[in-house]
Amino acid sequence: MEKSHTKREIEQQPSLWVKAIEQFSSEKEKIEQFLQAIQSKQGHARVIFTGAGTSAFIGETIYPYIRREIRDRGWEVDTISTTNLTSSPFSFLDKNIPTIMVSFARSGNSPESVAAVELAEKLVDDFYEITITCNREGELAKRKRGTDEQLVLILPEEANDKGLAMTSSYSTMMLTALYLFSKNKDTFAQKVQEVAHAGEEMIAACKNVIPQLVKLPIHKLVYLGSGVFEGLSRESALKFLELTSGKYPTMFDTTLGFRHGPKSILDKNTMVVVYVSNHEYTRKYDLDMLKELFTEQERGPLVAISGLEDPEVENYSDYQINVPLSKEEDIMLTFPNIIFAQTLAYEKSLSSGLSPDNPSPTGVINRVVQGVKIYPFQGEN
């Protein structure tokens, strides 16, 4: 039986990560020159990560890490979805602040994504755009501006997912952004080999664990994580919601935030997945939450995904997966971790009688969003 697009796109990710970084390593000089020219001209600048849906969650995932990476340049960073930028540009765009907008786009044709860039070009005096996209034929990729104002990074063709839900496009665009802003690109490229190996290990681990999880009588699913894992949790929750056609409500939160009301979702049919941090300080809070959840009477299965082998993780969760990246920062764990979330969503979609490539046959959601009307903006910023 031929694999579905979605299955193939999930499993190709480790090799695709390596391929993408090999490709962009050959463009390293162009990338560095573009960024250095802005820094030399502007000094202070604002970077905005943007996109719609999953593409927006790339920025949410990498934001806590990138803000530290670019501090030495004198730059600040925000993450604002195109769906918010387009409808309320006056709230987010500043005429007198040099702005670098980094657009993440699988197709590059989403109406809000195109509108957000056009609005920023109109409203910001010193505006630079970086497009990270999977589609060289998309509207964002085809925009024409001066080479000192625009950088377009087009991923390998395989990253342009054919399935409805973004899988390899999410992780490979995220990896590209990390490479873009990395201080030492050669060292980063070497790390990608380790990340790819961890991805392969996760695929193998999923084959053992996920068939057990799919059989459980689960009606709701929660993902928890701190720092970069908050954005990852949001994307993980969305993947399950999309691929199961909304049959199972999902939620995401930070580890500490879950206690502040959202924990009321817990019952015997609610699965909770905790992304456990590698950082010694953050990990203390994750472990406290695991212990608290484990002792709850009205709870469902508890899953922990950790970069470190830890007896406490094993003792206070029902299912565990250890990612072989124990010495890396959490940002590197996001790549194998998302494979778990994607695979769980895929398998639950199948077991629910759906087609993961098109879990919404009635067209409630589409691969490229439909029905968006963009209004002309006449106001001043």
Protein backbone atom coordinates (compact mmCIF):
# COMPACT_ATOMS: atom_id res chain seq x y z
CA MET A 1 0.00 0.00 0.00
CA GLU A 2 1.40 3.42 -0.99
CA LYS A 3 2.12 5.80 1.86
CA SER A 4 -0.07 8.86 2.21
CA HIS A 5 1.50 12.24 1.58
CA THR A 6 1.25 13.08 5.27
CA LYS A 7 2.96 9.89 6.43
CA ARG A 8 5.80 10.38 3.96
CA GLU A 9 6.14 14.05 4.88
CA ILE A 10 6.44 13.23 8.57
CA GLU A 11 9.04 10.52 8.05
CA GLN A 12 11.17 12.46 5.56
CA GLN A 13 11.93 15.23 8.04
CA PRO A 14 15.33 14.11 9.37
CA SER A 15 16.83 13.73 5.91
CA LEU A 16 15.13 16.92 4.72
CA TRP A 17 16.64 18.92 7.58
CA VAL A 18 20.11 17.85 6.49
CA LYS A 19 19.36 18.61 2.85
CA ALA A 20 17.98 22.07 3.62
CA ILE A 21 20.98 23.14 5.69
CA GLU A 22 23.36 21.83 3.06
CA GLN A 23 21.50 23.96 0.52
CA PHE A 24 21.53 27.11 2.64
CA SER A 25 25.17 26.61 3.63
CA SER A 26 25.98 27.27 -0.02
CA GLU A 27 24.11 30.60 0.35
CA LYS A 28 25.79 31.49 3.65
CA GLU A 29 27.75 34.45 2.26
CA LYS A 30 24.64 36.01 0.68
CA ILE A 31 22.69 35.59 3.92
CA GLU A 32 25.42 37.13 6.07
CA GLN A 33 25.92 40.05 3.70
CA PHE A 34 22.20 40.84 3.75
CA LEU A 35 22.01 40.89 7.55
CA GLN A 36 25.30 42.72 7.97
CA ALA A 37 24.24 45.44 5.54
CA ILE A 38 21.11 46.14 7.58
CA GLN A 39 23.08 46.15 10.82
CA SER A 40 25.68 48.56 9.39
CA LYS A 41 23.02 50.91 8.05
CA GLN A 42 20.48 50.81 10.86
CA GLY A 43 22.13 49.63 14.03
CA HIS A 44 18.93 49.12 16.00
CA ALA A 45 16.20 47.21 14.19
CA ARG A 46 13.09 45.23 14.96
CA VAL A 47 12.58 41.69 13.66
CA ILE A 48 9.00 40.46 13.31
CA PHE A 49 8.35 36.75 12.79
CA THR A 50 5.04 36.30 11.05
CA GLY A 51 2.83 33.81 9.26
CA ALA A 52 -0.68 32.39 9.41
CA GLY A 53 -1.69 29.32 11.41
CA THR A 54 1.15 26.83 11.71
CA SER A 55 3.48 29.29 9.96
CA ALA A 56 2.81 31.76 12.78
CA PHE A 57 3.63 29.09 15.36
CA ILE A 58 7.14 28.77 13.92
CA GLY A 59 7.81 32.27 15.20
CA GLU A 60 6.15 31.52 18.53
CA THR A 61 8.38 28.47 18.95
CA ILE A 62 11.73 30.06 18.12
CA TYR A 63 11.10 33.51 19.60
CA PRO A 64 12.48 32.83 23.13
CA TYR A 65 15.69 31.45 21.65
CA ILE A 66 16.23 33.94 18.83
CA ARG A 67 15.78 36.99 21.04
CA ARG A 68 18.97 35.92 22.86
CA GLU A 69 20.80 35.09 19.63
CA ILE A 70 20.29 38.50 18.01
CA ARG A 71 20.78 40.66 21.08
CA ASP A 72 24.41 41.30 20.15
CA ARG A 73 23.27 42.87 16.88
CA GLY A 74 21.27 45.45 18.81
CA TRP A 75 18.05 44.00 17.43
CA GLU A 76 14.80 43.14 19.17
CA VAL A 77 12.33 40.51 18.03
CA ASP A 78 8.54 40.06 18.12
CA THR A 79 6.29 37.31 16.87
CA ILE A 80 2.97 38.53 15.43
CA SER A 81 0.71 36.49 13.19
CA THR A 82 -0.25 37.84 9.76
CA THR A 83 -3.86 37.30 10.77
CA ASN A 84 -3.34 39.93 13.48
CA LEU A 85 -1.02 42.22 11.52
CA THR A 86 -3.39 42.42 8.57
CA SER A 87 -6.50 43.25 10.55
CA SER A 88 -4.79 45.65 12.96
CA PRO A 89 -1.59 47.01 11.38
CA PHE A 90 -1.71 50.26 13.37
CA SER A 91 -1.32 48.23 16.57
CA PHE A 92 1.92 46.55 15.54
CA LEU A 93 3.80 48.49 12.84
CA ASP A 94 5.90 51.54 13.72
CA LYS A 95 6.73 54.03 11.00
CA ASN A 96 10.06 55.15 12.47
CA ILE A 97 11.47 51.80 13.64
CA PRO A 98 13.53 49.92 11.02
CA THR A 99 11.75 46.61 10.63
CA ILE A 100 12.81 43.23 9.26
CA MET A 101 9.74 41.08 8.62
CA VAL A 102 10.46 37.36 8.43
CA SER A 103 7.52 35.68 6.69
CA PHE A 104 7.05 31.93 7.00
CA ALA A 105 4.89 30.51 4.22
CA ARG A 106 4.29 27.04 2.85
CA SER A 107 2.46 28.26 -0.25
CA GLY A 108 3.19 31.97 -0.01
CA ASN A 109 -0.33 32.60 -1.30
CA SER A 110 -2.34 33.09 1.90
CA PRO A 111 -4.13 36.45 1.52
CA GLU A 112 -3.14 37.66 4.99
CA SER A 113 0.52 36.80 4.46
CA VAL A 114 0.73 38.83 1.27
CA ALA A 115 -1.28 41.69 2.79
CA ALA A 116 0.90 41.88 5.91
CA VAL A 117 4.05 42.43 3.86
CA GLU A 118 2.36 44.99 1.60
CA LEU A 119 1.05 46.91 4.61
CA ALA A 120 4.46 46.94 6.28
CA GLU A 121 6.10 48.20 3.09
CA LYS A 122 3.56 51.01 3.00
CA LEU A 123 3.61 51.96 6.69
CA VAL A 124 7.27 51.51 7.75
CA ASP A 125 9.90 53.90 6.41
CA ASP A 126 12.85 51.46 6.56
CA PHE A 127 11.37 48.07 5.77
CA TYR A 128 13.22 44.86 4.94
CA GLU A 129 11.65 41.52 4.17
CA ILE A 130 12.91 37.97 4.50
CA THR A 131 10.69 35.29 3.02
CA ILE A 132 11.20 31.68 4.08
CA THR A 133 8.93 29.62 1.86
CA CYS A 134 8.39 26.17 0.38
CA ASN A 135 6.95 27.45 -2.89
CA ARG A 136 9.07 29.34 -5.42
CA GLU A 137 5.89 30.06 -7.42
CA GLY A 138 4.05 31.68 -4.52
CA GLU A 139 3.17 35.36 -4.41
CA LEU A 140 5.60 36.09 -1.57
CA ALA A 141 8.50 34.45 -3.39
CA LYS A 142 7.76 36.41 -6.55
CA ARG A 143 7.69 39.85 -4.93
CA LYS A 144 10.35 42.08 -6.47
CA ARG A 145 12.31 44.53 -4.35
CA GLY A 146 15.94 45.67 -4.21
CA THR A 147 18.50 43.05 -3.17
CA ASP A 148 19.40 45.14 -0.13
CA GLU A 149 15.73 45.15 0.96
CA GLN A 150 14.64 41.57 0.31
CA LEU A 151 16.00 38.09 0.94
CA VAL A 152 14.07 35.05 -0.30
CA LEU A 153 15.01 31.59 1.00
CA ILE A 154 13.23 28.79 -0.85
CA LEU A 155 13.29 25.38 0.78
CA PRO A 156 13.86 22.10 -1.08
CA GLU A 157 10.80 21.03 -3.06
CA GLU A 158 10.03 18.15 -0.66
CA ALA A 159 9.21 20.66 2.09
CA ASN A 160 6.16 21.87 0.17
CA ASP A 161 3.78 19.46 1.91
CA LYS A 162 1.02 18.02 -0.23
CA GLY A 163 -1.08 16.97 2.76
CA LEU A 164 -3.52 19.43 4.31
CA ALA A 165 -1.64 19.79 7.58
CA MET A 166 1.83 21.33 7.63
CA THR A 167 4.42 18.86 8.90
CA SER A 168 7.84 18.94 7.22
CA SER A 169 7.18 22.50 6.06
CA TYR A 170 6.82 23.61 9.70
CA SER A 171 9.99 21.99 10.97
CA THR A 172 12.17 22.80 7.96
CA MET A 173 11.17 26.47 7.81
CA MET A 174 11.86 26.63 11.54
CA LEU A 175 15.30 25.10 11.05
CA THR A 176 16.03 27.56 8.25
CA ALA A 177 15.21 30.52 10.48
CA LEU A 178 17.52 29.21 13.18
CA TYR A 179 20.29 28.85 10.62
CA LEU A 180 19.58 32.35 9.31
CA PHE A 181 20.17 33.97 12.70
CA SER A 182 22.79 31.57 14.11
CA LYS A 183 26.03 33.22 15.19
CA ASN A 184 28.18 30.33 13.96
CA LYS A 185 26.57 28.75 10.93
CA ASP A 186 29.20 26.04 10.50
CA THR A 187 28.71 24.81 14.06
CA PHE A 188 24.94 24.94 13.63
CA ALA A 189 25.14 22.87 10.43
CA GLN A 190 27.10 20.21 12.32
CA LYS A 191 24.44 20.10 15.05
CA VAL A 192 21.78 19.41 12.47
CA GLN A 193 23.33 15.98 11.91
CA GLU A 194 22.67 15.16 15.57
CA VAL A 195 19.17 16.56 15.38
CA ALA A 196 18.44 14.43 12.31
CA HIS A 197 19.66 11.34 14.16
CA ALA A 198 17.38 12.22 17.08
CA GLY A 199 14.53 12.57 14.61
CA GLU A 200 15.14 9.07 13.31
CA GLU A 201 15.21 7.79 16.88
CA MET A 202 11.88 9.49 17.54
CA ILE A 203 10.32 7.85 14.48
CA ALA A 204 11.46 4.47 15.83
CA ALA A 205 10.17 5.24 19.34
CA CYS A 206 6.80 6.33 17.98
CA LYS A 207 6.32 2.94 16.36
CA ASN A 208 6.43 1.38 19.83
CA VAL A 209 4.53 3.93 21.91
CA ILE A 210 1.90 5.53 19.70
CA PRO A 211 -0.06 2.36 18.82
CA GLN A 212 -0.65 2.01 22.57
CA LEU A 213 -1.76 5.64 22.92
CA VAL A 214 -4.15 5.50 19.97
CA LYS A 215 -6.03 2.59 21.50
CA LEU A 216 -6.80 4.49 24.70
CA PRO A 217 -10.32 5.97 25.17
CA ILE A 218 -9.16 9.58 24.84
CA HIS A 219 -11.63 12.41 24.24
CA LYS A 220 -9.36 15.42 24.90
CA LEU A 221 -5.65 16.16 24.54
CA VAL A 222 -3.38 18.70 26.26
CA TYR A 223 0.21 19.68 25.43
CA LEU A 224 2.34 21.50 28.02
CA GLY A 225 5.78 23.08 27.77
CA SER A 226 7.79 26.14 28.75
CA GLY A 227 10.02 28.50 26.78
CA VAL A 228 10.30 27.30 23.19
CA PHE A 229 8.03 24.40 24.10
CA GLU A 230 5.04 26.72 24.53
CA GLY A 231 4.92 27.49 20.79
CA LEU A 232 5.67 23.85 20.06
CA SER A 233 2.76 22.82 22.30
CA ARG A 234 0.45 25.13 20.39
CA GLU A 235 1.49 23.60 17.07
CA SER A 236 1.21 20.09 18.53
CA ALA A 237 -2.33 20.73 19.72
CA LEU A 238 -3.33 22.20 16.36
CA LYS A 239 -1.92 19.21 14.48
CA PHE A 240 -4.12 16.83 16.46
CA LEU A 241 -7.17 19.05 16.02
CA GLU A 242 -6.63 19.39 12.25
CA LEU A 243 -5.89 15.76 11.47
CA THR A 244 -8.81 14.46 13.55
CA SER A 245 -11.22 17.01 12.00
CA GLY A 246 -11.98 18.58 15.38
CA LYS A 247 -13.38 15.37 16.87
CA TYR A 248 -11.19 15.73 19.95
CA PRO A 249 -10.81 19.11 21.69
CA THR A 250 -7.20 20.11 22.31
CA MET A 251 -5.44 22.63 24.53
CA PHE A 252 -1.93 23.91 25.06
CA ASP A 253 -0.32 25.88 27.86
CA THR A 254 2.90 26.52 29.72
CA THR A 255 3.75 24.14 32.52
CA LEU A 256 3.11 26.75 35.20
CA GLY A 257 0.16 28.30 33.38
CA PHE A 258 -1.85 25.08 33.37
CA ARG A 259 -2.73 25.43 37.04
CA HIS A 260 -4.37 28.81 36.46
CA GLY A 261 -7.74 27.54 35.27
CA PRO A 262 -6.95 25.37 32.22
CA LYS A 263 -6.32 22.39 34.48
CA SER A 264 -10.10 22.12 34.84
CA ILE A 265 -10.07 20.23 31.50
CA LEU A 266 -8.69 17.16 33.28
CA ASP A 267 -10.76 14.00 33.53
CA LYS A 268 -10.20 10.29 32.96
CA ASN A 269 -10.43 10.73 29.20
CA THR A 270 -7.92 13.58 28.90
CA MET A 271 -4.38 12.79 27.79
CA VAL A 272 -1.63 15.20 28.83
CA VAL A 273 1.72 15.38 27.07
CA VAL A 274 4.53 17.27 28.82
CA TYR A 275 7.59 18.44 26.90
CA VAL A 276 10.25 18.32 29.63
CA SER A 277 13.00 20.94 29.42
CA ASN A 278 16.71 20.14 29.31
CA HIS A 279 17.44 23.34 31.22
CA GLU A 280 18.14 22.51 34.85
CA TYR A 281 16.06 25.41 36.21
CA THR A 282 13.02 25.08 33.92
CA ARG A 283 13.06 21.31 34.36
CA LYS A 284 12.26 21.68 38.08
CA TYR A 285 8.87 23.19 37.20
CA ASP A 286 8.16 20.52 34.57
CA LEU A 287 8.91 17.76 37.06
CA ASP A 288 6.69 19.38 39.68
CA MET A 289 3.82 19.39 37.16
CA LEU A 290 4.44 15.76 36.25
CA LYS A 291 4.32 14.78 39.91
CA GLU A 292 1.16 16.79 40.50
CA LEU A 293 -0.62 15.36 37.48
CA PHE A 294 0.49 11.83 38.25
CA THR A 295 -1.19 11.92 41.67
CA GLU A 296 -4.49 13.32 40.35
CA GLN A 297 -7.41 10.92 40.76
CA GLU A 298 -9.44 12.22 37.82
CA ARG A 299 -6.90 12.09 35.02
CA GLY A 300 -6.13 10.19 31.86
CA PRO A 301 -2.77 8.96 30.54
CA LEU A 302 0.27 11.12 31.19
CA VAL A 303 3.05 11.22 28.59
CA ALA A 304 6.51 12.75 29.16
CA ILE A 305 9.01 13.53 26.42
CA SER A 306 12.48 14.30 27.72
CA GLY A 307 15.98 14.90 26.39
CA LEU A 308 17.44 13.44 29.54
CA GLU A 309 16.96 10.00 31.03
CA ASP A 310 15.56 10.74 34.44
CA PRO A 311 14.12 8.34 37.02
CA GLU A 312 11.68 11.04 38.15
CA VAL A 313 10.26 11.33 34.64
CA GLU A 314 9.86 7.57 34.54
CA ASN A 315 8.30 7.39 38.00
CA TYR A 316 5.77 10.17 37.43
CA SER A 317 4.45 9.46 33.95
CA ASP A 318 2.64 6.56 32.32
CA TYR A 319 4.54 6.71 29.04
CA GLN A 320 8.00 8.16 28.36
CA ILE A 321 10.12 8.89 25.34
CA ASN A 322 13.75 9.96 25.76
CA VAL A 323 15.22 12.06 22.96
CA PRO A 324 18.99 11.49 22.44
CA LEU A 325 19.89 15.19 22.73
CA SER A 326 20.69 15.42 26.42
CA LYS A 327 23.38 18.11 26.03
CA GLU A 328 21.49 20.40 23.65
CA GLU A 329 19.32 23.43 24.30
CA ASP A 330 15.56 22.94 24.16
CA ILE A 331 15.31 24.52 20.71
CA MET A 332 17.02 21.45 19.24
CA LEU A 333 14.55 19.13 20.97
CA THR A 334 11.64 20.82 19.21
CA PHE A 335 12.49 18.94 16.01
CA PRO A 336 12.21 15.33 17.22
CA ASN A 337 9.41 16.37 19.60
CA ILE A 338 7.19 17.63 16.79
CA ILE A 339 7.58 14.28 15.04
CA PHE A 340 5.89 12.69 18.06
CA ALA A 341 2.96 15.13 17.91
CA GLN A 342 2.56 14.76 14.15
CA THR A 343 2.69 10.97 14.31
CA LEU A 344 0.17 10.79 17.15
CA ALA A 345 -2.20 13.04 15.18
CA TYR A 346 -1.71 11.01 12.01
CA GLU A 347 -2.40 7.66 13.66
CA LYS A 348 -5.42 8.97 15.56
CA SER A 349 -6.77 10.35 12.28
CA LEU A 350 -6.51 6.92 10.69
CA SER A 351 -8.06 5.15 13.66
CA SER A 352 -10.94 7.65 13.56
CA GLY A 353 -11.77 6.63 10.00
CA LEU A 354 -10.39 9.81 8.43
CA SER A 355 -7.93 10.45 5.61
CA PRO A 356 -4.95 12.32 7.09
CA ASP A 357 -4.18 13.94 3.73
CA ASN A 358 -7.67 15.42 3.65
CA PRO A 359 -9.29 15.12 7.08
CA SER A 360 -11.78 17.88 6.22
CA PRO A 361 -13.47 16.66 3.01
CA THR A 362 -16.36 19.12 3.45
CA GLY A 363 -13.90 22.00 3.09
CA VAL A 364 -14.27 23.47 6.59
CA ILE A 365 -10.51 24.04 6.38
CA ASN A 366 -8.30 24.03 3.30
CA ARG A 367 -4.62 23.68 2.45
CA VAL A 368 -4.56 27.35 1.43
CA VAL A 369 -7.10 29.37 3.39
CA GLN A 370 -10.24 30.39 1.49
CA GLY A 371 -12.80 33.16 1.90
CA VAL A 372 -10.51 35.95 3.14
CA LYS A 373 -11.36 39.45 1.92
CA ILE A 374 -8.52 41.97 2.19
CA TYR A 375 -9.63 45.58 2.63
CA PRO A 376 -7.57 48.58 1.45
CA PHE A 377 -5.90 50.41 4.34
CA GLN A 378 -6.01 54.20 3.99
CA GLY A 379 -5.00 55.31 7.47
CA GLU A 380 -1.67 56.52 8.74
CA ASN A 381 0.37 54.44 11.15
